[in-house]
Amino acid sequence: IQSAQYRPSQFVFPDDPMVFMVDITNMGVGAFSEFLLYSTQSSGMGGLSVTIDGKPVSEDGTSVFMLKDTLIRKQVVVTRNPYVYQDAPVEITLQSKCEDPKNTDDLKEHV
């Protein structure tokens, strides 16, 4: 996972979403693969919500089918409760469906 050129401005006000464009490429050995894209916030207050391409994403994730060596750009939007001004980071993880779920350290992008 790599953050694209577009990032939110330095200041994000309470009612404004944080919008990221994320580039994903399947560089595996097969012609295609299916991945899970999910978000986690381990120590937050629950004041954040994440959508990917307009769909709410939870710790269960959303399925992404990817052809080999094909770039996919996803829009990740993080919104917050207007009364929560600071919260813990959110991790966006891309994981192969056939991969060990405990081995994802190289695939995370913190937002």
PDB file of N, CA and C in Angstrom:
ATOM      1  N   ILE A   1       0.861  -1.168   0.000  1.00  0.00           N
ATOM      2  CA  ILE A   1       0.000   0.000   0.000  1.00  0.00           C
ATOM      3  C   ILE A   1       0.900   1.221   0.000  1.00  0.00           C
ATOM      4  N   GLN A   2       0.569   2.195  -0.821  1.00  0.00           N
ATOM      5  CA  GLN A   2       1.342   3.423  -0.861  1.00  0.00           C
ATOM      6  C   GLN A   2       0.372   4.594  -0.980  1.00  0.00           C
ATOM      7  N   SER A   3       0.584   5.619  -0.163  1.00  0.00           N
ATOM      8  CA  SER A   3      -0.253   6.810  -0.269  1.00  0.00           C
ATOM      9  C   SER A   3       0.074   7.521  -1.566  1.00  0.00           C
ATOM     10  N   ALA A   4      -0.943   7.903  -2.298  1.00  0.00           N
ATOM     11  CA  ALA A   4      -0.750   8.622  -3.558  1.00  0.00           C
ATOM     12  C   ALA A   4      -0.365  10.070  -3.272  1.00  0.00           C
ATOM     13  N   GLN A   5      -0.229  10.852  -4.299  1.00  0.00           N
ATOM     14  CA  GLN A   5       0.202  12.242  -4.153  1.00  0.00           C
ATOM     15  C   GLN A   5      -0.790  13.089  -3.363  1.00  0.00           C
ATOM     16  N   TYR A   6      -2.070  12.754  -3.432  1.00  0.00           N
ATOM     17  CA  TYR A   6      -3.085  13.570  -2.771  1.00  0.00           C
ATOM     18  C   TYR A   6      -3.157  13.226  -1.294  1.00  0.00           C
ATOM     19  N   ARG A   7      -3.005  14.209  -0.451  1.00  0.00           N
ATOM     20  CA  ARG A   7      -3.152  14.066   1.002  1.00  0.00           C
ATOM     21  C   ARG A   7      -4.020  15.218   1.498  1.00  0.00           C
ATOM     22  N   PRO A   8      -4.649  15.051   2.660  1.00  0.00           N
ATOM     23  CA  PRO A   8      -5.463  16.148   3.184  1.00  0.00           C
ATOM     24  C   PRO A   8      -4.584  17.334   3.561  1.00  0.00           C
ATOM     25  N   SER A   9      -5.202  18.476   3.660  1.00  0.00           N
ATOM     26  CA  SER A   9      -4.453  19.669   4.037  1.00  0.00           C
ATOM     27  C   SER A   9      -3.944  19.527   5.469  1.00  0.00           C
ATOM     28  N   GLN A  10      -3.077  20.439   5.850  1.00  0.00           N
ATOM     29  CA  GLN A  10      -2.477  20.390   7.183  1.00  0.00           C
ATOM     30  C   GLN A  10      -3.537  20.509   8.274  1.00  0.00           C
ATOM     31  N   PHE A  11      -4.553  21.311   8.019  1.00  0.00           N
ATOM     32  CA  PHE A  11      -5.597  21.535   9.016  1.00  0.00           C
ATOM     33  C   PHE A  11      -6.880  20.838   8.581  1.00  0.00           C
ATOM     34  N   VAL A  12      -7.402  19.973   9.437  1.00  0.00           N
ATOM     35  CA  VAL A  12      -8.675  19.320   9.182  1.00  0.00           C
ATOM     36  C   VAL A  12      -9.590  19.722  10.327  1.00  0.00           C
ATOM     37  N   PHE A  13     -10.629  20.445   9.991  1.00  0.00           N
ATOM     38  CA  PHE A  13     -11.540  20.959  11.004  1.00  0.00           C
ATOM     39  C   PHE A  13     -12.532  19.871  11.422  1.00  0.00           C
ATOM     40  N   PRO A  14     -13.188  20.017  12.572  1.00  0.00           N
ATOM     41  CA  PRO A  14     -14.022  18.946  13.136  1.00  0.00           C
ATOM     42  C   PRO A  14     -15.068  18.367  12.195  1.00  0.00           C
ATOM     43  N   ASP A  15     -15.664  19.178  11.347  1.00  0.00           N
ATOM     44  CA  ASP A  15     -16.702  18.667  10.460  1.00  0.00           C
ATOM     45  C   ASP A  15     -16.163  18.218   9.106  1.00  0.00           C
ATOM     46  N   ASP A  16     -14.854  18.366   8.862  1.00  0.00           N
ATOM     47  CA  ASP A  16     -14.261  18.023   7.574  1.00  0.00           C
ATOM     48  C   ASP A  16     -13.714  16.602   7.577  1.00  0.00           C
ATOM     49  N   PRO A  17     -13.914  15.876   6.482  1.00  0.00           N
ATOM     50  CA  PRO A  17     -13.315  14.540   6.389  1.00  0.00           C
ATOM     51  C   PRO A  17     -11.837  14.638   6.023  1.00  0.00           C
ATOM     52  N   MET A  18     -11.084  13.606   6.363  1.00  0.00           N
ATOM     53  CA  MET A  18      -9.695  13.475   5.913  1.00  0.00           C
ATOM     54  C   MET A  18      -9.729  12.528   4.729  1.00  0.00           C
ATOM     55  N   VAL A  19      -9.330  12.995   3.549  1.00  0.00           N
ATOM     56  CA  VAL A  19      -9.437  12.219   2.319  1.00  0.00           C
ATOM     57  C   VAL A  19      -8.034  11.856   1.836  1.00  0.00           C
ATOM     58  N   PHE A  20      -7.819  10.556   1.609  1.00  0.00           N
ATOM     59  CA  PHE A  20      -6.546  10.051   1.108  1.00  0.00           C
ATOM     60  C   PHE A  20      -6.805   9.248  -0.156  1.00  0.00           C
ATOM     61  N   MET A  21      -5.908   9.334  -1.111  1.00  0.00           N
ATOM     62  CA  MET A  21      -5.921   8.451  -2.268  1.00  0.00           C
ATOM     63  C   MET A  21      -4.796   7.454  -2.044  1.00  0.00           C
ATOM     64  N   VAL A  22      -5.110   6.160  -2.114  1.00  0.00           N
ATOM     65  CA  VAL A  22      -4.146   5.102  -1.821  1.00  0.00           C
ATOM     66  C   VAL A  22      -3.965   4.257  -3.077  1.00  0.00           C
ATOM     67  N   ASP A  23      -2.701   4.070  -3.482  1.00  0.00           N
ATOM     68  CA  ASP A  23      -2.378   3.230  -4.629  1.00  0.00           C
ATOM     69  C   ASP A  23      -2.007   1.835  -4.145  1.00  0.00           C
ATOM     70  N   ILE A  24      -2.586   0.823  -4.786  1.00  0.00           N
ATOM     71  CA  ILE A  24      -2.345  -0.575  -4.416  1.00  0.00           C
ATOM     72  C   ILE A  24      -1.970  -1.321  -5.689  1.00  0.00           C
ATOM     73  N   THR A  25      -0.923  -2.154  -5.611  1.00  0.00           N
ATOM     74  CA  THR A  25      -0.519  -2.981  -6.752  1.00  0.00           C
ATOM     75  C   THR A  25      -0.267  -4.404  -6.271  1.00  0.00           C
ATOM     76  N   ASN A  26      -0.772  -5.374  -7.007  1.00  0.00           N
ATOM     77  CA  ASN A  26      -0.518  -6.782  -6.726  1.00  0.00           C
ATOM     78  C   ASN A  26       0.779  -7.167  -7.433  1.00  0.00           C
ATOM     79  N   MET A  27       1.831  -7.389  -6.664  1.00  0.00           N
ATOM     80  CA  MET A  27       3.123  -7.747  -7.238  1.00  0.00           C
ATOM     81  C   MET A  27       3.443  -9.218  -6.945  1.00  0.00           C
ATOM     82  N   GLY A  28       2.422 -10.031  -6.743  1.00  0.00           N
ATOM     83  CA  GLY A  28       2.604 -11.439  -6.432  1.00  0.00           C
ATOM     84  C   GLY A  28       2.981 -12.270  -7.646  1.00  0.00           C
ATOM     85  N   VAL A  29       3.024 -13.582  -7.468  1.00  0.00           N
ATOM     86  CA  VAL A  29       3.472 -14.476  -8.527  1.00  0.00           C
ATOM     87  C   VAL A  29       2.342 -14.935  -9.444  1.00  0.00           C
ATOM     88  N   GLY A  30       1.115 -14.909  -8.968  1.00  0.00           N
ATOM     89  CA  GLY A  30      -0.007 -15.370  -9.782  1.00  0.00           C
ATOM     90  C   GLY A  30      -0.538 -14.283 -10.699  1.00  0.00           C
ATOM     91  N   ALA A  31      -1.434 -14.662 -11.604  1.00  0.00           N
ATOM     92  CA  ALA A  31      -2.032 -13.707 -12.535  1.00  0.00           C
ATOM     93  C   ALA A  31      -3.029 -12.781 -11.840  1.00  0.00           C
ATOM     94  N   PHE A  32      -3.562 -13.220 -10.715  1.00  0.00           N
ATOM     95  CA  PHE A  32      -4.500 -12.415  -9.940  1.00  0.00           C
ATOM     96  C   PHE A  32      -4.500 -12.930  -8.515  1.00  0.00           C
ATOM     97  N   SER A  33      -5.096 -12.154  -7.633  1.00  0.00           N
ATOM     98  CA  SER A  33      -5.244 -12.566  -6.238  1.00  0.00           C
ATOM     99  C   SER A  33      -6.376 -11.770  -5.619  1.00  0.00           C
ATOM    100  N   GLU A  34      -6.908 -12.303  -4.527  1.00  0.00           N
ATOM    101  CA  GLU A  34      -7.964 -11.599  -3.797  1.00  0.00           C
ATOM    102  C   GLU A  34      -7.420 -11.190  -2.441  1.00  0.00           C
ATOM    103  N   PHE A  35      -7.677  -9.949  -2.072  1.00  0.00           N
ATOM    104  CA  PHE A  35      -7.149  -9.373  -0.851  1.00  0.00           C
ATOM    105  C   PHE A  35      -8.282  -8.876   0.025  1.00  0.00           C
ATOM    106  N   LEU A  36      -7.962  -8.662   1.303  1.00  0.00           N
ATOM    107  CA  LEU A  36      -8.851  -7.966   2.230  1.00  0.00           C
ATOM    108  C   LEU A  36      -8.225  -6.621   2.547  1.00  0.00           C
ATOM    109  N   LEU A  37      -9.002  -5.579   2.467  1.00  0.00           N
ATOM    110  CA  LEU A  37      -8.571  -4.239   2.836  1.00  0.00           C
ATOM    111  C   LEU A  37      -9.402  -3.858   4.047  1.00  0.00           C
ATOM    112  N   TYR A  38      -8.721  -3.596   5.169  1.00  0.00           N
ATOM    113  CA  TYR A  38      -9.471  -3.295   6.382  1.00  0.00           C
ATOM    114  C   TYR A  38      -8.750  -2.262   7.227  1.00  0.00           C
ATOM    115  N   SER A  39      -9.490  -1.698   8.155  1.00  0.00           N
ATOM    116  CA  SER A  39      -8.933  -0.684   9.050  1.00  0.00           C
ATOM    117  C   SER A  39      -9.063  -1.162  10.486  1.00  0.00           C
ATOM    118  N   THR A  40      -8.082  -0.767  11.304  1.00  0.00           N
ATOM    119  CA  THR A  40      -8.147  -1.064  12.733  1.00  0.00           C
ATOM    120  C   THR A  40      -7.678   0.155  13.511  1.00  0.00           C
ATOM    121  N   GLN A  41      -8.246   0.320  14.658  1.00  0.00           N
ATOM    122  CA  GLN A  41      -7.834   1.379  15.576  1.00  0.00           C
ATOM    123  C   GLN A  41      -7.798   0.737  16.956  1.00  0.00           C
ATOM    124  N   SER A  42      -6.602   0.335  17.368  1.00  0.00           N
ATOM    125  CA  SER A  42      -6.474  -0.495  18.557  1.00  0.00           C
ATOM    126  C   SER A  42      -6.755   0.224  19.870  1.00  0.00           C
ATOM    127  N   SER A  43      -6.410   1.492  19.970  1.00  0.00           N
ATOM    128  CA  SER A  43      -6.547   2.148  21.274  1.00  0.00           C
ATOM    129  C   SER A  43      -7.321   3.461  21.198  1.00  0.00           C
ATOM    130  N   GLY A  44      -8.177   3.590  20.224  1.00  0.00           N
ATOM    131  CA  GLY A  44      -8.907   4.842  20.064  1.00  0.00           C
ATOM    132  C   GLY A  44     -10.159   4.917  20.913  1.00  0.00           C
ATOM    133  N   MET A  45     -10.798   6.074  20.857  1.00  0.00           N
ATOM    134  CA  MET A  45     -12.025   6.303  21.621  1.00  0.00           C
ATOM    135  C   MET A  45     -13.264   5.957  20.810  1.00  0.00           C
ATOM    136  N   GLY A  46     -13.077   5.476  19.588  1.00  0.00           N
ATOM    137  CA  GLY A  46     -14.227   5.117  18.766  1.00  0.00           C
ATOM    138  C   GLY A  46     -14.856   6.304  18.079  1.00  0.00           C
ATOM    139  N   GLY A  47     -14.145   7.414  18.008  1.00  0.00           N
ATOM    140  CA  GLY A  47     -14.690   8.608  17.386  1.00  0.00           C
ATOM    141  C   GLY A  47     -14.410   8.719  15.909  1.00  0.00           C
ATOM    142  N   LEU A  48     -13.767   7.713  15.297  1.00  0.00           N
ATOM    143  CA  LEU A  48     -13.419   7.753  13.881  1.00  0.00           C
ATOM    144  C   LEU A  48     -14.186   6.700  13.103  1.00  0.00           C
ATOM    145  N   SER A  49     -14.518   7.021  11.862  1.00  0.00           N
ATOM    146  CA  SER A  49     -15.078   6.022  10.950  1.00  0.00           C
ATOM    147  C   SER A  49     -14.301   6.100   9.643  1.00  0.00           C
ATOM    148  N   VAL A  50     -14.175   4.962   8.971  1.00  0.00           N
ATOM    149  CA  VAL A  50     -13.387   4.874   7.745  1.00  0.00           C
ATOM    150  C   VAL A  50     -14.257   4.309   6.635  1.00  0.00           C
ATOM    151  N   THR A  51     -14.183   4.930   5.459  1.00  0.00           N
ATOM    152  CA  THR A  51     -14.817   4.375   4.271  1.00  0.00           C
ATOM    153  C   THR A  51     -13.750   4.233   3.190  1.00  0.00           C
ATOM    154  N   ILE A  52     -13.918   3.217   2.369  1.00  0.00           N
ATOM    155  CA  ILE A  52     -13.049   3.014   1.213  1.00  0.00           C
ATOM    156  C   ILE A  52     -13.950   2.976  -0.008  1.00  0.00           C
ATOM    157  N   ASP A  53     -13.720   3.917  -0.914  1.00  0.00           N
ATOM    158  CA  ASP A  53     -14.567   4.086  -2.096  1.00  0.00           C
ATOM    159  C   ASP A  53     -16.038   4.219  -1.710  1.00  0.00           C
ATOM    160  N   GLY A  54     -16.291   4.929  -0.614  1.00  0.00           N
ATOM    161  CA  GLY A  54     -17.649   5.220  -0.187  1.00  0.00           C
ATOM    162  C   GLY A  54     -18.325   4.140   0.640  1.00  0.00           C
ATOM    163  N   LYS A  55     -17.663   2.997   0.849  1.00  0.00           N
ATOM    164  CA  LYS A  55     -18.257   1.903   1.618  1.00  0.00           C
ATOM    165  C   LYS A  55     -17.631   1.845   3.005  1.00  0.00           C
ATOM    166  N   PRO A  56     -18.438   1.740   4.050  1.00  0.00           N
ATOM    167  CA  PRO A  56     -17.882   1.641   5.403  1.00  0.00           C
ATOM    168  C   PRO A  56     -17.002   0.396   5.535  1.00  0.00           C
ATOM    169  N   VAL A  57     -15.880   0.560   6.229  1.00  0.00           N
ATOM    170  CA  VAL A  57     -14.947  -0.545   6.404  1.00  0.00           C
ATOM    171  C   VAL A  57     -14.756  -0.791   7.891  1.00  0.00           C
ATOM    172  N   SER A  58     -14.804  -2.050   8.271  1.00  0.00           N
ATOM    173  CA  SER A  58     -14.613  -2.428   9.662  1.00  0.00           C
ATOM    174  C   SER A  58     -13.374  -3.304   9.762  1.00  0.00           C
ATOM    175  N   GLU A  59     -13.172  -3.894  10.918  1.00  0.00           N
ATOM    176  CA  GLU A  59     -12.040  -4.795  11.103  1.00  0.00           C
ATOM    177  C   GLU A  59     -12.207  -6.072  10.291  1.00  0.00           C
ATOM    178  N   ASP A  60     -13.418  -6.374   9.819  1.00  0.00           N
ATOM    179  CA  ASP A  60     -13.635  -7.543   8.971  1.00  0.00           C
ATOM    180  C   ASP A  60     -13.179  -7.300   7.538  1.00  0.00           C
ATOM    181  N   GLY A  61     -13.118  -6.040   7.122  1.00  0.00           N
ATOM    182  CA  GLY A  61     -12.575  -5.674   5.827  1.00  0.00           C
ATOM    183  C   GLY A  61     -13.533  -5.766   4.673  1.00  0.00           C
ATOM    184  N   THR A  62     -13.011  -5.382   3.515  1.00  0.00           N
ATOM    185  CA  THR A  62     -13.736  -5.457   2.264  1.00  0.00           C
ATOM    186  C   THR A  62     -12.857  -6.190   1.257  1.00  0.00           C
ATOM    187  N   SER A  63     -13.451  -7.004   0.434  1.00  0.00           N
ATOM    188  CA  SER A  63     -12.712  -7.829  -0.515  1.00  0.00           C
ATOM    189  C   SER A  63     -12.286  -6.990  -1.723  1.00  0.00           C
ATOM    190  N   VAL A  64     -11.034  -7.199  -2.158  1.00  0.00           N
ATOM    191  CA  VAL A  64     -10.498  -6.490  -3.326  1.00  0.00           C
ATOM    192  C   VAL A  64      -9.874  -7.530  -4.250  1.00  0.00           C
ATOM    193  N   PHE A  65     -10.386  -7.649  -5.468  1.00  0.00           N
ATOM    194  CA  PHE A  65      -9.825  -8.548  -6.480  1.00  0.00           C
ATOM    195  C   PHE A  65      -8.818  -7.754  -7.294  1.00  0.00           C
ATOM    196  N   MET A  66      -7.597  -8.282  -7.424  1.00  0.00           N
ATOM    197  CA  MET A  66      -6.536  -7.529  -8.102  1.00  0.00           C
ATOM    198  C   MET A  66      -5.805  -8.395  -9.122  1.00  0.00           C
ATOM    199  N   LEU A  67      -5.678  -7.869 -10.336  1.00  0.00           N
ATOM    200  CA  LEU A  67      -4.847  -8.512 -11.340  1.00  0.00           C
ATOM    201  C   LEU A  67      -3.387  -8.194 -11.051  1.00  0.00           C
ATOM    202  N   LYS A  68      -2.485  -9.060 -11.476  1.00  0.00           N
ATOM    203  CA  LYS A  68      -1.056  -8.851 -11.248  1.00  0.00           C
ATOM    204  C   LYS A  68      -0.572  -7.596 -11.980  1.00  0.00           C
ATOM    205  N   ASP A  69       0.300  -6.847 -11.317  1.00  0.00           N
ATOM    206  CA  ASP A  69       0.958  -5.647 -11.877  1.00  0.00           C
ATOM    207  C   ASP A  69      -0.016  -4.588 -12.365  1.00  0.00           C
ATOM    208  N   THR A  70      -1.201  -4.539 -11.787  1.00  0.00           N
ATOM    209  CA  THR A  70      -2.198  -3.534 -12.159  1.00  0.00           C
ATOM    210  C   THR A  70      -2.439  -2.613 -10.971  1.00  0.00           C
ATOM    211  N   LEU A  71      -2.231  -1.322 -11.177  1.00  0.00           N
ATOM    212  CA  LEU A  71      -2.419  -0.331 -10.123  1.00  0.00           C
ATOM    213  C   LEU A  71      -3.904  -0.080  -9.903  1.00  0.00           C
ATOM    214  N   ILE A  72      -4.309  -0.080  -8.643  1.00  0.00           N
ATOM    215  CA  ILE A  72      -5.672   0.272  -8.253  1.00  0.00           C
ATOM    216  C   ILE A  72      -5.567   1.452  -7.303  1.00  0.00           C
ATOM    217  N   ARG A  73      -6.356   2.471  -7.531  1.00  0.00           N
ATOM    218  CA  ARG A  73      -6.392   3.634  -6.640  1.00  0.00           C
ATOM    219  C   ARG A  73      -7.701   3.610  -5.869  1.00  0.00           C
ATOM    220  N   LYS A  74      -7.594   3.663  -4.545  1.00  0.00           N
ATOM    221  CA  LYS A  74      -8.761   3.663  -3.668  1.00  0.00           C
ATOM    222  C   LYS A  74      -8.816   4.974  -2.896  1.00  0.00           C
ATOM    223  N   GLN A  75     -10.018   5.470  -2.690  1.00  0.00           N
ATOM    224  CA  GLN A  75     -10.195   6.670  -1.876  1.00  0.00           C
ATOM    225  C   GLN A  75     -10.547   6.237  -0.461  1.00  0.00           C
ATOM    226  N   VAL A  76      -9.712   6.650   0.486  1.00  0.00           N
ATOM    227  CA  VAL A  76      -9.940   6.355   1.894  1.00  0.00           C
ATOM    228  C   VAL A  76     -10.356   7.653   2.571  1.00  0.00           C
ATOM    229  N   VAL A  77     -11.509   7.638   3.213  1.00  0.00           N
ATOM    230  CA  VAL A  77     -12.019   8.823   3.891  1.00  0.00           C
ATOM    231  C   VAL A  77     -12.186   8.499   5.373  1.00  0.00           C
ATOM    232  N   VAL A  78     -11.556   9.313   6.207  1.00  0.00           N
ATOM    233  CA  VAL A  78     -11.660   9.164   7.655  1.00  0.00           C
ATOM    234  C   VAL A  78     -12.455  10.356   8.166  1.00  0.00           C
ATOM    235  N   THR A  79     -13.536  10.075   8.877  1.00  0.00           N
ATOM    236  CA  THR A  79     -14.328  11.144   9.484  1.00  0.00           C
ATOM    237  C   THR A  79     -14.304  10.944  10.982  1.00  0.00           C
ATOM    238  N   ARG A  80     -14.514  12.028  11.680  1.00  0.00           N
ATOM    239  CA  ARG A  80     -14.486  11.932  13.132  1.00  0.00           C
ATOM    240  C   ARG A  80     -15.702  12.609  13.744  1.00  0.00           C
ATOM    241  N   ASN A  81     -15.992  12.182  14.942  1.00  0.00           N
ATOM    242  CA  ASN A  81     -17.030  12.804  15.731  1.00  0.00           C
ATOM    243  C   ASN A  81     -16.561  14.232  16.029  1.00  0.00           C
ATOM    244  N   PRO A  82     -17.385  15.251  15.841  1.00  0.00           N
ATOM    245  CA  PRO A  82     -16.922  16.629  16.053  1.00  0.00           C
ATOM    246  C   PRO A  82     -16.500  16.933  17.488  1.00  0.00           C
ATOM    247  N   TYR A  83     -16.838  16.050  18.427  1.00  0.00           N
ATOM    248  CA  TYR A  83     -16.447  16.281  19.823  1.00  0.00           C
ATOM    249  C   TYR A  83     -15.145  15.570  20.203  1.00  0.00           C
ATOM    250  N   VAL A  84     -14.614  14.773  19.269  1.00  0.00           N
ATOM    251  CA  VAL A  84     -13.353  14.063  19.495  1.00  0.00           C
ATOM    252  C   VAL A  84     -12.286  14.750  18.647  1.00  0.00           C
ATOM    253  N   TYR A  85     -11.460  15.573  19.280  1.00  0.00           N
ATOM    254  CA  TYR A  85     -10.467  16.340  18.528  1.00  0.00           C
ATOM    255  C   TYR A  85      -9.163  15.586  18.343  1.00  0.00           C
ATOM    256  N   GLN A  86      -8.866  14.626  19.186  1.00  0.00           N
ATOM    257  CA  GLN A  86      -7.673  13.800  19.038  1.00  0.00           C
ATOM    258  C   GLN A  86      -8.051  12.362  19.292  1.00  0.00           C
ATOM    259  N   ASP A  87      -7.498  11.477  18.485  1.00  0.00           N
ATOM    260  CA  ASP A  87      -7.767  10.057  18.639  1.00  0.00           C
ATOM    261  C   ASP A  87      -6.539   9.292  18.175  1.00  0.00           C
ATOM    262  N   ALA A  88      -6.510   8.004  18.418  1.00  0.00           N
ATOM    263  CA  ALA A  88      -5.370   7.166  18.027  1.00  0.00           C
ATOM    264  C   ALA A  88      -5.338   7.003  16.504  1.00  0.00           C
ATOM    265  N   PRO A  89      -4.154   6.710  15.945  1.00  0.00           N
ATOM    266  CA  PRO A  89      -4.058   6.483  14.490  1.00  0.00           C
ATOM    267  C   PRO A  89      -4.902   5.295  14.045  1.00  0.00           C
ATOM    268  N   VAL A  90      -5.278   5.323  12.789  1.00  0.00           N
ATOM    269  CA  VAL A  90      -6.007   4.231  12.164  1.00  0.00           C
ATOM    270  C   VAL A  90      -5.033   3.527  11.226  1.00  0.00           C
ATOM    271  N   GLU A  91      -4.986   2.204  11.285  1.00  0.00           N
ATOM    272  CA  GLU A  91      -4.145   1.437  10.381  1.00  0.00           C
ATOM    273  C   GLU A  91      -5.003   0.878   9.260  1.00  0.00           C
ATOM    274  N   ILE A  92      -4.551   1.094   8.018  1.00  0.00           N
ATOM    275  CA  ILE A  92      -5.195   0.529   6.846  1.00  0.00           C
ATOM    276  C   ILE A  92      -4.315  -0.634   6.407  1.00  0.00           C
ATOM    277  N   THR A  93      -4.877  -1.839   6.335  1.00  0.00           N
ATOM    278  CA  THR A  93      -4.095  -3.028   6.027  1.00  0.00           C
ATOM    279  C   THR A  93      -4.649  -3.726   4.785  1.00  0.00           C
ATOM    280  N   LEU A  94      -3.745  -4.117   3.904  1.00  0.00           N
ATOM    281  CA  LEU A  94      -4.078  -4.931   2.742  1.00  0.00           C
ATOM    282  C   LEU A  94      -3.467  -6.304   2.983  1.00  0.00           C
ATOM    283  N   GLN A  95      -4.292  -7.325   2.946  1.00  0.00           N
ATOM    284  CA  GLN A  95      -3.819  -8.669   3.269  1.00  0.00           C
ATOM    285  C   GLN A  95      -4.386  -9.676   2.281  1.00  0.00           C
ATOM    286  N   SER A  96      -3.543 -10.559   1.798  1.00  0.00           N
ATOM    287  CA  SER A  96      -4.006 -11.634   0.933  1.00  0.00           C
ATOM    288  C   SER A  96      -4.960 -12.521   1.728  1.00  0.00           C
ATOM    289  N   LYS A  97      -6.017 -12.995   1.080  1.00  0.00           N
ATOM    290  CA  LYS A  97      -6.983 -13.847   1.776  1.00  0.00           C
ATOM    291  C   LYS A  97      -6.373 -15.176   2.205  1.00  0.00           C
ATOM    292  N   CYS A  98      -5.270 -15.591   1.565  1.00  0.00           N
ATOM    293  CA  CYS A  98      -4.660 -16.868   1.935  1.00  0.00           C
ATOM    294  C   CYS A  98      -3.469 -16.685   2.885  1.00  0.00           C
ATOM    295  N   GLU A  99      -3.269 -15.489   3.394  1.00  0.00           N
ATOM    296  CA  GLU A  99      -2.123 -15.174   4.243  1.00  0.00           C
ATOM    297  C   GLU A  99      -2.445 -15.340   5.724  1.00  0.00           C
ATOM    298  N   ASP A 100      -1.412 -15.585   6.512  1.00  0.00           N
ATOM    299  CA  ASP A 100      -1.549 -15.673   7.957  1.00  0.00           C
ATOM    300  C   ASP A 100      -1.946 -14.297   8.497  1.00  0.00           C
ATOM    301  N   PRO A 101      -3.085 -14.161   9.170  1.00  0.00           N
ATOM    302  CA  PRO A 101      -3.527 -12.835   9.628  1.00  0.00           C
ATOM    303  C   PRO A 101      -2.611 -12.206  10.669  1.00  0.00           C
ATOM    304  N   LYS A 102      -1.722 -12.972  11.270  1.00  0.00           N
ATOM    305  CA  LYS A 102      -0.811 -12.414  12.268  1.00  0.00           C
ATOM    306  C   LYS A 102       0.437 -11.796  11.646  1.00  0.00           C
ATOM    307  N   ASN A 103       0.635 -11.974  10.333  1.00  0.00           N
ATOM    308  CA  ASN A 103       1.854 -11.526   9.679  1.00  0.00           C
ATOM    309  C   ASN A 103       1.540 -10.399   8.697  1.00  0.00           C
ATOM    310  N   THR A 104       1.189  -9.210   9.202  1.00  0.00           N
ATOM    311  CA  THR A 104       0.789  -8.105   8.329  1.00  0.00           C
ATOM    312  C   THR A 104       1.624  -6.849   8.543  1.00  0.00           C
ATOM    313  N   ASP A 105       2.758  -6.934   9.231  1.00  0.00           N
ATOM    314  CA  ASP A 105       3.519  -5.744   9.567  1.00  0.00           C
ATOM    315  C   ASP A 105       3.988  -4.945   8.359  1.00  0.00           C
ATOM    316  N   ASP A 106       4.304  -5.596   7.246  1.00  0.00           N
ATOM    317  CA  ASP A 106       4.814  -4.891   6.079  1.00  0.00           C
ATOM    318  C   ASP A 106       3.720  -4.274   5.232  1.00  0.00           C
ATOM    319  N   LEU A 107       2.466  -4.524   5.558  1.00  0.00           N
ATOM    320  CA  LEU A 107       1.376  -4.132   4.678  1.00  0.00           C
ATOM    321  C   LEU A 107       0.531  -2.985   5.224  1.00  0.00           C
ATOM    322  N   LYS A 108       0.954  -2.385   6.331  1.00  0.00           N
ATOM    323  CA  LYS A 108       0.131  -1.376   6.973  1.00  0.00           C
ATOM    324  C   LYS A 108       0.554   0.026   6.585  1.00  0.00           C
ATOM    325  N   GLU A 109      -0.422   0.908   6.494  1.00  0.00           N
ATOM    326  CA  GLU A 109      -0.198   2.321   6.260  1.00  0.00           C
ATOM    327  C   GLU A 109      -0.947   3.049   7.366  1.00  0.00           C
ATOM    328  N   HIS A 110      -0.244   3.849   8.154  1.00  0.00           N
ATOM    329  CA  HIS A 110      -0.886   4.589   9.243  1.00  0.00           C
ATOM    330  C   HIS A 110      -1.410   5.909   8.708  1.00  0.00           C
ATOM    331  N   VAL A 111      -2.646   6.249   9.074  1.00  0.00           N
ATOM    332  CA  VAL A 111      -3.234   7.537   8.659  1.00  0.00           C
ATOM    333  C   VAL A 111      -3.693   8.280   9.888  1.00  0.00           C
TER     334      VAL A 111
END
